[in-house]
Structure formats: C-alpha cells, structure tokens
Amino acid sequence: MDLATRRRRAALFLFFLIPGLSISSWVTRTPDIRDQLGASTAQMGLVLFGLSVGSMLGILTSGALVARFGTRPVMGVGTVLIIVSMAVIGCGALFSSAPTVTAGLFLFGAGMGGGEVAVNIDGAEVERITGRTVLPTLHGFFSLGTVVGAALGILCTAVEFPVQWHLTAMAVVTAGMFAYAFRAIPAGVGRTKGGRQADGGSAPARSEVWKDRRLLLIGGVILAMALAEGAANDWLPLLMVDGHGVDPALGSAVYAGFAAAMTVGRFCGGFFIDRFGRAPVVRASALSAALGLALVIFADSPVLAGAAVLFWGLGASLGFPVALSAAGDSGPDPAARVSLVAMIGYIAFLVGPPGLGFLGDHYGLRSAMILVLVFVAVAVFLAPAIGPRRTADAGPVPGAGPVPDADPVPGAGPVPDADPVSGSAPATAYELDEQPLTDR
C-alpha cells in the first residue's frame, strides 16, 4: 500500500468516526432531550421522523451526486451537515423547541445519508485497490466513535452537563477532524461521464442494476441488519429506561455496551470473513442479533436484558458493511450498486423511528422490537446472497470463481482478456463466476 493510499484510508477512518461520535452524543442524551421537550414516546417518534426524512433525501440524491461530482464533494458536504446538526439540536434542547430538534435531526440525516454512501463507495474503492477486507474496519471506526461518544454522553448525563453545551463542543471537535481528513481524499472517484466509468468501462443503465436479483437480496439483508442497528441507535436507552425500569445513566451505559460490541465485531470481522466467507459470517451475525433481541424483548430481568444487548450488538455489527462490500463487487458500476443497496438499507431509517415509536406508544417498546426480530430472522435465510469474499492476497474462496487480476489456479498465469476456457483451469471455476471475464 503506497503512502497516498494509507493517508486516504486514515482519512476515511475519521470520516467514519465523526458520525459515530455525533450520533451517540445525541442518542445518549435523548432522555434529557425528551424531558426538556416534554414529549411522549409517540411525539419523540415524530421528532425522529426528521432524521428519517433527511436520511432518505440524502440517500436518494447521493448516487446521482457522486456520479456527477465524485465522492469527495459529497462526503465533504455531508460531513459539514452532520457537524452543523449537533449545534442545531443543542439549540432546540436549550429553547425546548421540538421543531428545531427535528430540523437538526433532518440535517444530520441528510448529511449522514448522503455522505455515508459516498464514504462507502470510496471505502469500497480502497478495498479493491488493496485487495483486503477494509469496509468492516472502516465501519468499526464508526462504532468506535459511538463508544467514545456514548462514554462522554454518560458522563455528561451523570453530572447533568447541559445538552446544548455538550453537543456544541462535539461540533467543534468534529469540525477539526474534518478539516484534517478532507485533504487526503482524491477527486473524481465514482464520477461517470457520458455513460463511461472512470476506468473507461461502460457504465450500465441504472435501471439494469435494479433488475439484478442477487443485488436485491443483498439489499434485503442490509435492510434487516440496518433496522437492527438503527433500532438500537434510536431507542435503546429509552427501551431500557421505559421497558426495563433502569435509570437514564444506566440506560446510556447499556447503549455504550451495544456500541462496544459493535466495535469489537467490526474490527474482528475481517479475519472471519477472509477465513470463512461472507455468507456464513452474516448468517452467524443475524442469529446472534436475533438471540440478543429475543432476550431483550422477552426476558424480565434487566441484568439479563443488558447482557443480551452484547449479542445484539455483535450480531448487528457486520451486516451493513459486509453487504455493501458484496454489492460493490457483484458486477459492473460498483458505485451504482453500493448506492442502491445503501438506499434499501436506509428505508429502515425512514420507517424505523416513527414506526417503532407508534408501536411503542400503543404496545410498549419491548413489544415493538418484535418487528425488528422478525426482519433479522429473515436475514438468516437471505445470507447466501452475500456470496464469498474474494481477495487478491488470500486467493479465491472455494467455489467463488477466479479473482480479477489474480491467478485463478496456481501457476495458470494471469486471466487474459479473451475467453480462457481452453486454459488449464477447470471450466467450472469460470462457470461459477457471475460476471463474464470479458466484461472486466
């Protein structure tokens, strides 16, 4: 890995860290924000709807913006919106203004929904350049940010530090990180002109991407696992406070445990993916998340529920980044593919907060989480669509087909541009590869 790529990867670490710090900062203060607003559970769901609308607006426009301008400006604008949103949410809490908090969450959602797609496209590009599993580690920095932010949030909650000053300070810190990281991101990544990709290959029509059945199944996995992650980010502190009777500081501590489990899962996930393949790891992750959710929902012991959150966090940790990685190398025009499955995943952010808030207001938050459990259970059966991880350094996973630009069989030499059926490698190695070699 050359120096420019190392700097680029380090910058992407910060681009993932910033939203993690920001989201956990306000999530851990949601009980305080709710009290300052005097809002019910259903009303908080409507406040969170600003996050959903902003996320969907960002996700729906991000793919087109990246195709026109590249990832760098989209990442930059998205991160600036996240930083500004912290100050706006703080002002809403200070003046007990629900519309202002909603507007702040809208800015946060727009910045995260639009910017994160671009960051993931850039991360997938680094993954292809280095031939290593990178996206889970990058998402691990998002989770690391949630751990650090949650720890600070717990401290601020315990000492009753004002919400507005807490969130404003976070905006200042993350602004400094952004100024440092933005310089290392190259221009032009993901940009297409006249139907041509940056490498000169033909970019397929966007409608053709929608017709890819495997890609839609990958989108189903990311929808379920994003809902599992988003439900915890939006509701876990309140779920523990209202559903299990713990105090707000302890509810924030449980959320910190969830974030810590997510961090461990993402930093360790690359090893297991390269060793066992994507599909088995995603299936095991979904089973772990389902177990954790079931215990949180049905166990009456706050201690057992708090411990089960660790299974929930470990299980939800890899679904989003692994599905994005699978989408990125599932065929031509990886930017469009990553954008599509990310958009499907963000449907969870649109329907999740208000939907769970409505159900929670009528049946309780614990019962509302049954919906999340059902989606995660479905992801167990969709996991085979994720497919094997094919890395240049580790070689092809058995049955996965040849790795682009690598020897499909030891000693067989590089893959030629023409049809290599007459070569020494077995024909089945090529038949199992979904993308024709001549299209690469």
Protein backbone atom coordinates (compact mmCIF):
# COMPACT_ATOMS: atom_id res chain seq x y z
CA MET A 1 0.00 0.00 0.00
CA ASP A 2 1.53 3.31 -1.07
CA LEU A 3 1.64 6.42 1.12
CA ALA A 4 -1.27 8.16 -0.62
CA THR A 5 -3.49 5.12 -0.11
CA ARG A 6 -2.50 4.90 3.55
CA ARG A 7 -3.38 8.55 4.06
CA ARG A 8 -6.63 8.07 2.21
CA ARG A 9 -7.56 5.10 4.37
CA ALA A 10 -6.67 7.03 7.55
CA ALA A 11 -8.86 9.92 6.36
CA LEU A 12 -11.73 7.51 5.78
CA PHE A 13 -11.29 6.30 9.37
CA LEU A 14 -12.04 9.87 10.50
CA PHE A 15 -14.97 10.21 8.10
CA PHE A 16 -16.49 7.15 9.78
CA LEU A 17 -15.51 8.29 13.28
CA ILE A 18 -17.24 11.69 13.00
CA PRO A 19 -20.82 10.43 12.50
CA GLY A 20 -20.26 7.79 15.19
CA LEU A 21 -19.24 10.43 17.73
CA SER A 22 -22.14 12.65 16.69
CA ILE A 23 -24.94 10.09 16.70
CA SER A 24 -24.04 8.62 20.08
CA SER A 25 -23.72 12.10 21.57
CA TRP A 26 -27.36 12.91 20.98
CA VAL A 27 -28.65 9.35 21.42
CA THR A 28 -27.28 9.17 24.97
CA ARG A 29 -28.96 12.49 25.70
CA THR A 30 -32.37 11.54 24.25
CA PRO A 31 -33.93 11.02 27.73
CA ASP A 32 -32.79 14.55 28.69
CA ILE A 33 -33.90 15.98 25.35
CA ARG A 34 -37.29 14.27 25.71
CA ASP A 35 -37.72 15.74 29.19
CA GLN A 36 -36.74 19.24 28.03
CA LEU A 37 -39.21 18.97 25.15
CA GLY A 38 -41.91 17.40 27.35
CA ALA A 39 -42.57 14.87 24.57
CA SER A 40 -44.30 11.49 24.74
CA THR A 41 -42.92 8.35 23.11
CA ALA A 42 -45.11 8.90 20.03
CA GLN A 43 -44.06 12.56 19.83
CA MET A 44 -40.40 11.55 20.04
CA GLY A 45 -41.08 9.22 17.13
CA LEU A 46 -42.30 12.22 15.13
CA VAL A 47 -39.20 14.19 16.14
CA LEU A 48 -37.05 11.30 14.94
CA PHE A 49 -39.00 11.36 11.68
CA GLY A 50 -36.84 14.36 10.75
CA LEU A 51 -33.86 12.02 10.82
CA SER A 52 -35.69 9.56 8.58
CA VAL A 53 -36.73 12.16 6.02
CA GLY A 54 -33.25 13.66 5.93
CA SER A 55 -31.68 10.23 5.56
CA MET A 56 -33.90 9.29 2.64
CA LEU A 57 -33.36 12.63 0.92
CA GLY A 58 -29.63 12.16 1.26
CA ILE A 59 -29.66 8.56 0.12
CA LEU A 60 -31.92 9.22 -2.89
CA THR A 61 -29.71 12.04 -4.18
CA SER A 62 -26.31 10.68 -3.21
CA GLY A 63 -25.86 8.23 -6.08
CA ALA A 64 -26.63 10.87 -8.72
CA LEU A 65 -24.43 13.44 -6.97
CA VAL A 66 -21.50 11.02 -6.76
CA ALA A 67 -21.93 10.10 -10.44
CA ARG A 68 -21.79 13.78 -11.37
CA PHE A 69 -19.27 15.25 -8.92
CA GLY A 70 -17.41 12.26 -7.40
CA THR A 71 -17.26 11.12 -3.78
CA ARG A 72 -15.07 13.93 -2.39
CA PRO A 73 -17.50 16.90 -2.53
CA VAL A 74 -20.45 14.73 -1.49
CA MET A 75 -18.51 13.43 1.52
CA GLY A 76 -17.48 16.97 2.39
CA VAL A 77 -20.95 18.50 2.28
CA GLY A 78 -22.47 15.55 4.14
CA THR A 79 -19.95 15.76 6.97
CA VAL A 80 -20.44 19.53 7.31
CA LEU A 81 -24.19 18.96 7.67
CA ILE A 82 -23.54 16.41 10.44
CA ILE A 83 -21.34 18.89 12.30
CA VAL A 84 -23.86 21.73 11.99
CA SER A 85 -26.72 19.44 13.08
CA MET A 86 -25.18 18.96 16.53
CA ALA A 87 -25.34 22.70 17.23
CA VAL A 88 -28.91 22.91 15.90
CA ILE A 89 -30.12 20.01 18.08
CA GLY A 90 -28.44 21.66 21.05
CA CYS A 91 -30.28 24.91 20.35
CA GLY A 92 -33.58 23.02 20.12
CA ALA A 93 -32.95 21.45 23.53
CA LEU A 94 -31.99 24.84 25.02
CA PHE A 95 -35.20 26.51 23.85
CA SER A 96 -37.41 23.39 24.32
CA SER A 97 -38.29 23.57 20.63
CA ALA A 98 -39.32 20.26 19.09
CA PRO A 99 -39.32 21.72 15.53
CA THR A 100 -35.72 22.88 15.99
CA VAL A 101 -34.61 19.46 17.22
CA THR A 102 -36.46 17.90 14.28
CA ALA A 103 -34.67 20.28 11.89
CA GLY A 104 -31.33 19.36 13.45
CA LEU A 105 -32.07 15.66 13.02
CA PHE A 106 -33.09 16.36 9.42
CA LEU A 107 -29.68 17.94 8.77
CA PHE A 108 -27.97 15.04 10.48
CA GLY A 109 -29.92 12.51 8.40
CA ALA A 110 -29.28 14.35 5.14
CA GLY A 111 -25.57 14.59 5.90
CA MET A 112 -25.22 11.01 7.04
CA GLY A 113 -27.50 9.53 4.37
CA GLY A 114 -25.81 11.38 1.53
CA GLY A 115 -22.27 11.49 2.83
CA GLU A 116 -22.11 7.92 4.10
CA VAL A 117 -22.99 6.46 0.71
CA ALA A 118 -20.11 8.42 -0.80
CA VAL A 119 -17.76 7.35 2.02
CA ASN A 120 -18.73 3.71 1.48
CA ILE A 121 -18.14 4.00 -2.26
CA ASP A 122 -14.69 5.42 -1.53
CA GLY A 123 -14.07 2.69 1.03
CA ALA A 124 -15.08 0.01 -1.47
CA GLU A 125 -12.62 1.55 -3.92
CA VAL A 126 -9.82 1.29 -1.33
CA GLU A 127 -10.86 -2.31 -0.71
CA ARG A 128 -10.47 -3.11 -4.40
CA ILE A 129 -7.15 -1.26 -4.64
CA THR A 130 -5.59 -3.02 -1.65
CA GLY A 131 -7.24 -6.42 -2.18
CA ARG A 132 -8.03 -6.57 1.54
CA THR A 133 -11.20 -6.57 3.62
CA VAL A 134 -11.45 -2.90 4.58
CA LEU A 135 -15.11 -1.89 4.97
CA PRO A 136 -15.77 -3.72 8.27
CA THR A 137 -12.75 -1.98 9.82
CA LEU A 138 -13.90 1.39 8.48
CA HIS A 139 -17.33 0.81 9.97
CA GLY A 140 -15.51 -0.25 13.13
CA PHE A 141 -14.34 3.35 13.47
CA PHE A 142 -17.97 4.46 13.28
CA SER A 143 -18.70 2.08 16.15
CA LEU A 144 -15.59 3.24 17.99
CA GLY A 145 -16.94 6.76 17.66
CA THR A 146 -20.26 5.64 19.16
CA VAL A 147 -18.40 4.09 22.12
CA VAL A 148 -16.39 7.24 22.81
CA GLY A 149 -19.40 9.47 22.25
CA ALA A 150 -21.57 7.29 24.46
CA ALA A 151 -18.98 7.35 27.25
CA LEU A 152 -18.89 11.13 27.10
CA GLY A 153 -22.68 11.20 26.98
CA ILE A 154 -22.92 9.01 30.08
CA LEU A 155 -20.51 11.31 31.91
CA CYS A 156 -22.41 14.42 30.84
CA THR A 157 -25.72 12.82 31.87
CA ALA A 158 -24.34 11.78 35.26
CA VAL A 159 -23.05 15.26 36.09
CA GLU A 160 -26.12 16.92 34.50
CA PHE A 161 -24.00 18.83 32.00
CA PRO A 162 -26.30 20.93 29.74
CA VAL A 163 -27.20 19.20 26.49
CA GLN A 164 -26.64 22.30 24.37
CA TRP A 165 -23.04 22.78 25.51
CA HIS A 166 -22.29 19.08 25.17
CA LEU A 167 -23.46 18.95 21.55
CA THR A 168 -21.84 22.27 20.65
CA ALA A 169 -18.48 21.04 21.97
CA MET A 170 -18.85 17.88 19.89
CA ALA A 171 -19.48 20.01 16.79
CA VAL A 172 -16.23 21.92 17.39
CA VAL A 173 -14.16 18.75 17.88
CA THR A 174 -15.53 17.00 14.79
CA ALA A 175 -15.00 20.15 12.69
CA GLY A 176 -11.29 19.91 13.45
CA MET A 177 -11.22 16.24 12.43
CA PHE A 178 -12.97 17.05 9.17
CA ALA A 179 -10.53 19.83 8.28
CA TYR A 180 -7.63 17.40 8.70
CA ALA A 181 -9.18 14.46 6.81
CA PHE A 182 -10.72 16.18 3.81
CA ARG A 183 -7.36 16.96 2.16
CA ALA A 184 -6.41 13.28 1.77
CA ILE A 185 -9.47 12.27 -0.30
CA PRO A 186 -8.79 12.22 -4.07
CA ALA A 187 -11.16 13.83 -6.52
CA GLY A 188 -13.06 12.00 -9.25
CA VAL A 189 -13.79 8.68 -7.52
CA GLY A 190 -17.22 7.36 -8.54
CA ARG A 191 -17.76 10.05 -11.16
CA THR A 192 -19.08 8.99 -14.57
CA LYS A 193 -19.26 10.97 -17.77
CA GLY A 194 -21.33 10.15 -20.82
CA GLY A 195 -22.11 6.66 -19.64
CA ARG A 196 -18.43 5.84 -19.13
CA GLN A 197 -16.82 4.90 -15.83
CA ALA A 198 -13.60 6.49 -14.56
CA ASP A 199 -11.62 3.45 -15.78
CA GLY A 200 -13.07 3.78 -19.27
CA GLY A 201 -15.51 0.87 -18.99
CA SER A 202 -19.14 1.18 -19.93
CA ALA A 203 -21.50 2.09 -17.10
CA PRO A 204 -24.77 0.17 -17.32
CA ALA A 205 -28.08 1.96 -17.13
CA ARG A 206 -29.33 2.48 -13.59
CA SER A 207 -32.48 0.52 -14.39
CA GLU A 208 -30.35 -2.55 -15.16
CA VAL A 209 -28.94 -2.51 -11.63
CA TRP A 210 -32.48 -2.72 -10.23
CA LYS A 211 -33.03 -5.91 -12.26
CA ASP A 212 -30.18 -7.77 -10.57
CA ARG A 213 -31.97 -10.32 -8.35
CA ARG A 214 -28.92 -11.09 -6.25
CA LEU A 215 -28.36 -7.39 -5.60
CA LEU A 216 -31.94 -7.02 -4.36
CA LEU A 217 -31.43 -9.97 -1.99
CA ILE A 218 -28.29 -8.26 -0.68
CA GLY A 219 -30.48 -5.20 -0.19
CA GLY A 220 -32.86 -7.34 1.87
CA VAL A 221 -30.01 -8.34 4.18
CA ILE A 222 -28.88 -4.76 4.59
CA LEU A 223 -32.47 -3.64 5.28
CA ALA A 224 -32.86 -6.13 8.12
CA MET A 225 -29.47 -5.52 9.68
CA ALA A 226 -29.69 -1.75 9.34
CA LEU A 227 -33.05 -1.91 11.13
CA ALA A 228 -31.42 -3.93 13.93
CA GLU A 229 -28.63 -1.37 14.24
CA GLY A 230 -30.89 1.66 13.81
CA ALA A 231 -33.43 0.46 16.36
CA ALA A 232 -30.69 0.38 19.00
CA ASN A 233 -29.30 3.76 17.95
CA ASP A 234 -32.74 5.36 18.11
CA TRP A 235 -34.43 3.62 21.01
CA LEU A 236 -32.09 1.52 23.17
CA PRO A 237 -31.64 3.99 26.06
CA LEU A 238 -35.39 4.60 26.21
CA LEU A 239 -36.05 0.88 25.77
CA MET A 240 -34.02 0.13 28.89
CA VAL A 241 -35.48 3.07 30.84
CA ASP A 242 -39.15 2.53 29.95
CA GLY A 243 -39.11 -1.19 29.21
CA HIS A 244 -36.86 -2.48 31.98
CA GLY A 245 -37.09 0.28 34.59
CA VAL A 246 -33.43 1.31 34.76
CA ASP A 247 -32.33 4.92 35.39
CA PRO A 248 -31.22 7.12 32.44
CA ALA A 249 -27.49 6.86 33.21
CA LEU A 250 -27.67 3.06 33.27
CA GLY A 251 -29.73 3.09 30.07
CA SER A 252 -26.95 5.09 28.40
CA ALA A 253 -24.40 2.61 29.79
CA VAL A 254 -26.29 -0.27 28.17
CA TYR A 255 -26.20 1.58 24.87
CA ALA A 256 -22.45 2.03 25.35
CA GLY A 257 -22.19 -1.75 25.76
CA PHE A 258 -24.08 -2.20 22.49
CA ALA A 259 -21.71 0.23 20.75
CA ALA A 260 -18.68 -1.56 22.23
CA ALA A 261 -19.96 -4.92 20.94
CA MET A 262 -20.47 -3.36 17.50
CA THR A 263 -16.91 -2.05 17.57
CA VAL A 264 -15.40 -5.42 18.52
CA GLY A 265 -17.45 -7.20 15.84
CA ARG A 266 -16.36 -4.81 13.10
CA PHE A 267 -12.68 -4.72 13.98
CA CYS A 268 -12.52 -8.52 14.23
CA GLY A 269 -14.90 -9.24 11.37
CA GLY A 270 -12.35 -9.01 8.57
CA PHE A 271 -10.43 -12.02 9.89
CA PHE A 272 -13.53 -14.22 9.99
CA ILE A 273 -14.75 -13.03 6.58
CA ASP A 274 -11.44 -13.85 4.90
CA ARG A 275 -11.32 -17.22 6.67
CA PHE A 276 -14.92 -18.44 6.35
CA GLY A 277 -16.51 -16.25 3.67
CA ARG A 278 -19.23 -13.64 3.78
CA ALA A 279 -22.37 -15.78 3.87
CA PRO A 280 -21.52 -17.91 6.95
CA VAL A 281 -20.39 -14.83 8.86
CA VAL A 282 -23.54 -12.86 8.00
CA ARG A 283 -25.74 -15.83 8.91
CA ALA A 284 -23.99 -16.20 12.28
CA SER A 285 -24.30 -12.44 12.83
CA ALA A 286 -28.04 -12.49 12.15
CA LEU A 287 -28.51 -15.41 14.55
CA SER A 288 -26.58 -13.55 17.26
CA ALA A 289 -28.67 -10.40 16.74
CA ALA A 290 -31.88 -12.43 16.84
CA LEU A 291 -30.83 -14.09 20.12
CA GLY A 292 -29.98 -10.76 21.70
CA LEU A 293 -33.22 -9.14 20.57
CA ALA A 294 -35.32 -12.07 21.80
CA LEU A 295 -33.77 -11.87 25.28
CA VAL A 296 -34.20 -8.09 25.47
CA ILE A 297 -37.83 -8.42 24.42
CA PHE A 298 -38.94 -11.43 26.45
CA ALA A 299 -36.61 -11.52 29.49
CA ASP A 300 -37.97 -9.65 32.52
CA SER A 301 -34.56 -9.36 34.19
CA PRO A 302 -32.83 -6.01 33.47
CA VAL A 303 -29.47 -7.69 34.07
CA LEU A 304 -30.14 -10.42 31.50
CA ALA A 305 -31.53 -7.88 29.03
CA GLY A 306 -28.45 -5.69 29.46
CA ALA A 307 -26.16 -8.66 28.83
CA ALA A 308 -28.22 -9.71 25.80
CA VAL A 309 -27.57 -6.32 24.23
CA LEU A 310 -23.99 -7.52 23.66
CA PHE A 311 -25.27 -10.34 21.41
CA TRP A 312 -27.49 -7.80 19.67
CA GLY A 313 -24.51 -5.51 19.03
CA LEU A 314 -22.17 -8.28 17.85
CA GLY A 315 -24.84 -9.59 15.51
CA ALA A 316 -25.70 -6.21 14.01
CA SER A 317 -22.06 -5.20 13.54
CA LEU A 318 -21.22 -6.81 10.19
CA GLY A 319 -24.47 -6.85 8.22
CA PHE A 320 -24.23 -3.31 6.83
CA PRO A 321 -20.53 -3.19 5.82
CA VAL A 322 -20.38 -6.76 4.51
CA ALA A 323 -23.50 -6.27 2.38
CA LEU A 324 -22.03 -3.07 0.94
CA SER A 325 -18.78 -4.88 0.16
CA ALA A 326 -20.71 -7.68 -1.56
CA ALA A 327 -22.71 -5.16 -3.58
CA GLY A 328 -19.57 -3.33 -4.66
CA ASP A 329 -18.02 -6.38 -6.34
CA SER A 330 -21.23 -8.03 -7.54
CA GLY A 331 -20.90 -6.60 -11.04
CA PRO A 332 -20.05 -3.53 -13.13
CA ASP A 333 -20.65 0.05 -11.93
CA PRO A 334 -19.91 -0.57 -8.23
CA ALA A 335 -20.89 2.99 -7.29
CA ALA A 336 -24.45 2.42 -8.52
CA ARG A 337 -24.63 -0.96 -6.77
CA VAL A 338 -23.39 0.36 -3.43
CA SER A 339 -25.77 3.30 -3.72
CA LEU A 340 -28.73 1.00 -4.44
CA VAL A 341 -28.29 -1.36 -1.50
CA ALA A 342 -27.48 1.54 0.81
CA MET A 343 -30.73 3.19 -0.28
CA ILE A 344 -32.62 -0.01 0.51
CA GLY A 345 -30.95 -0.10 3.91
CA TYR A 346 -31.94 3.46 4.65
CA ILE A 347 -35.59 2.51 4.28
CA ALA A 348 -35.06 1.19 7.80
CA PHE A 349 -34.22 4.73 8.90
CA LEU A 350 -37.39 6.04 7.22
CA VAL A 351 -39.90 3.59 8.66
CA GLY A 352 -38.00 2.55 11.78
CA PRO A 353 -38.09 5.52 14.20
CA PRO A 354 -41.71 6.64 13.70
CA GLY A 355 -42.97 3.09 13.22
CA LEU A 356 -41.35 1.76 16.38
CA GLY A 357 -42.42 4.91 18.23
CA PHE A 358 -46.05 4.38 17.19
CA LEU A 359 -45.98 0.72 18.18
CA GLY A 360 -44.16 1.56 21.40
CA ASP A 361 -46.76 4.14 22.37
CA HIS A 362 -49.56 1.58 21.95
CA TYR A 363 -47.92 -1.70 23.00
CA GLY A 364 -44.65 -0.72 24.71
CA LEU A 365 -41.17 -0.52 23.24
CA ARG A 366 -40.32 -4.12 24.14
CA SER A 367 -43.24 -5.42 22.11
CA ALA A 368 -42.43 -3.03 19.26
CA MET A 369 -39.00 -4.65 18.91
CA ILE A 370 -40.65 -7.91 17.80
CA LEU A 371 -40.89 -6.33 14.34
CA VAL A 372 -37.11 -5.89 14.29
CA LEU A 373 -36.68 -9.51 15.43
CA VAL A 374 -38.77 -10.75 12.50
CA PHE A 375 -36.67 -8.85 9.97
CA VAL A 376 -33.43 -10.15 11.45
CA ALA A 377 -34.77 -13.72 11.33
CA VAL A 378 -35.46 -13.27 7.61
CA ALA A 379 -31.86 -12.11 7.10
CA VAL A 380 -30.67 -15.54 8.28
CA PHE A 381 -32.26 -17.09 5.18
CA LEU A 382 -31.10 -14.32 2.81
CA ALA A 383 -27.46 -14.58 3.89
CA PRO A 384 -26.35 -16.89 0.99
CA ALA A 385 -26.94 -13.97 -1.41
CA ILE A 386 -23.98 -12.16 0.17
CA GLY A 387 -21.63 -14.63 -1.52
CA PRO A 388 -17.96 -15.39 -0.80
CA ARG A 389 -15.28 -12.83 -0.14
CA ARG A 390 -12.69 -12.86 -2.93
CA THR A 391 -9.42 -11.16 -2.00
CA ALA A 392 -6.32 -10.82 -4.11
CA ASP A 393 -3.98 -11.69 -1.27
CA ALA A 394 -5.93 -14.57 0.22
CA GLY A 395 -6.86 -16.13 -3.13
CA PRO A 396 -10.32 -17.21 -4.23
CA VAL A 397 -12.69 -18.83 -1.81
CA PRO A 398 -13.51 -22.36 -2.99
CA GLY A 399 -16.37 -22.24 -5.43
CA ALA A 400 -16.20 -18.48 -5.78
CA GLY A 401 -14.61 -18.31 -9.22
CA PRO A 402 -11.33 -16.61 -10.10
CA VAL A 403 -10.23 -13.36 -8.57
CA PRO A 404 -9.90 -10.45 -11.02
CA ASP A 405 -6.28 -9.70 -11.89
CA ALA A 406 -5.08 -12.79 -9.99
CA ASP A 407 -4.21 -16.34 -10.96
CA PRO A 408 -7.41 -18.41 -10.89
CA VAL A 409 -5.30 -21.58 -10.47
CA PRO A 410 -1.76 -21.64 -9.09
CA GLY A 411 0.66 -21.48 -12.00
CA ALA A 412 -2.03 -20.74 -14.56
CA GLY A 413 -0.87 -17.18 -15.08
CA PRO A 414 -2.97 -14.01 -15.19
CA VAL A 415 -6.53 -14.03 -16.50
CA PRO A 416 -6.45 -12.94 -20.15
CA ASP A 417 -8.96 -10.60 -21.72
CA ALA A 418 -10.28 -13.29 -24.08
CA ASP A 419 -12.31 -16.33 -23.06
CA PRO A 420 -9.84 -18.63 -21.27
CA VAL A 421 -11.90 -21.82 -21.47
CA SER A 422 -9.12 -23.53 -23.29
CA GLY A 423 -6.73 -22.86 -20.39
CA SER A 424 -5.71 -25.38 -17.76
CA ALA A 425 -8.19 -24.25 -15.10
CA PRO A 426 -11.39 -26.30 -14.77
CA ALA A 427 -14.33 -24.85 -16.66
CA THR A 428 -16.48 -24.89 -13.52
CA ALA A 429 -14.23 -22.28 -11.93
CA TYR A 430 -15.39 -19.87 -14.62
CA GLU A 431 -18.98 -21.04 -14.78
CA LEU A 432 -19.45 -20.20 -11.10
CA ASP A 433 -18.21 -16.66 -11.59
CA GLU A 434 -21.26 -14.46 -12.09
CA GLN A 435 -19.59 -11.77 -14.16
CA PRO A 436 -18.16 -12.74 -17.56
CA LEU A 437 -14.39 -12.37 -17.64
CA THR A 438 -14.60 -10.42 -20.89
CA ASP A 439 -16.55 -7.66 -19.10
CA ARG A 440 -13.78 -6.94 -16.61
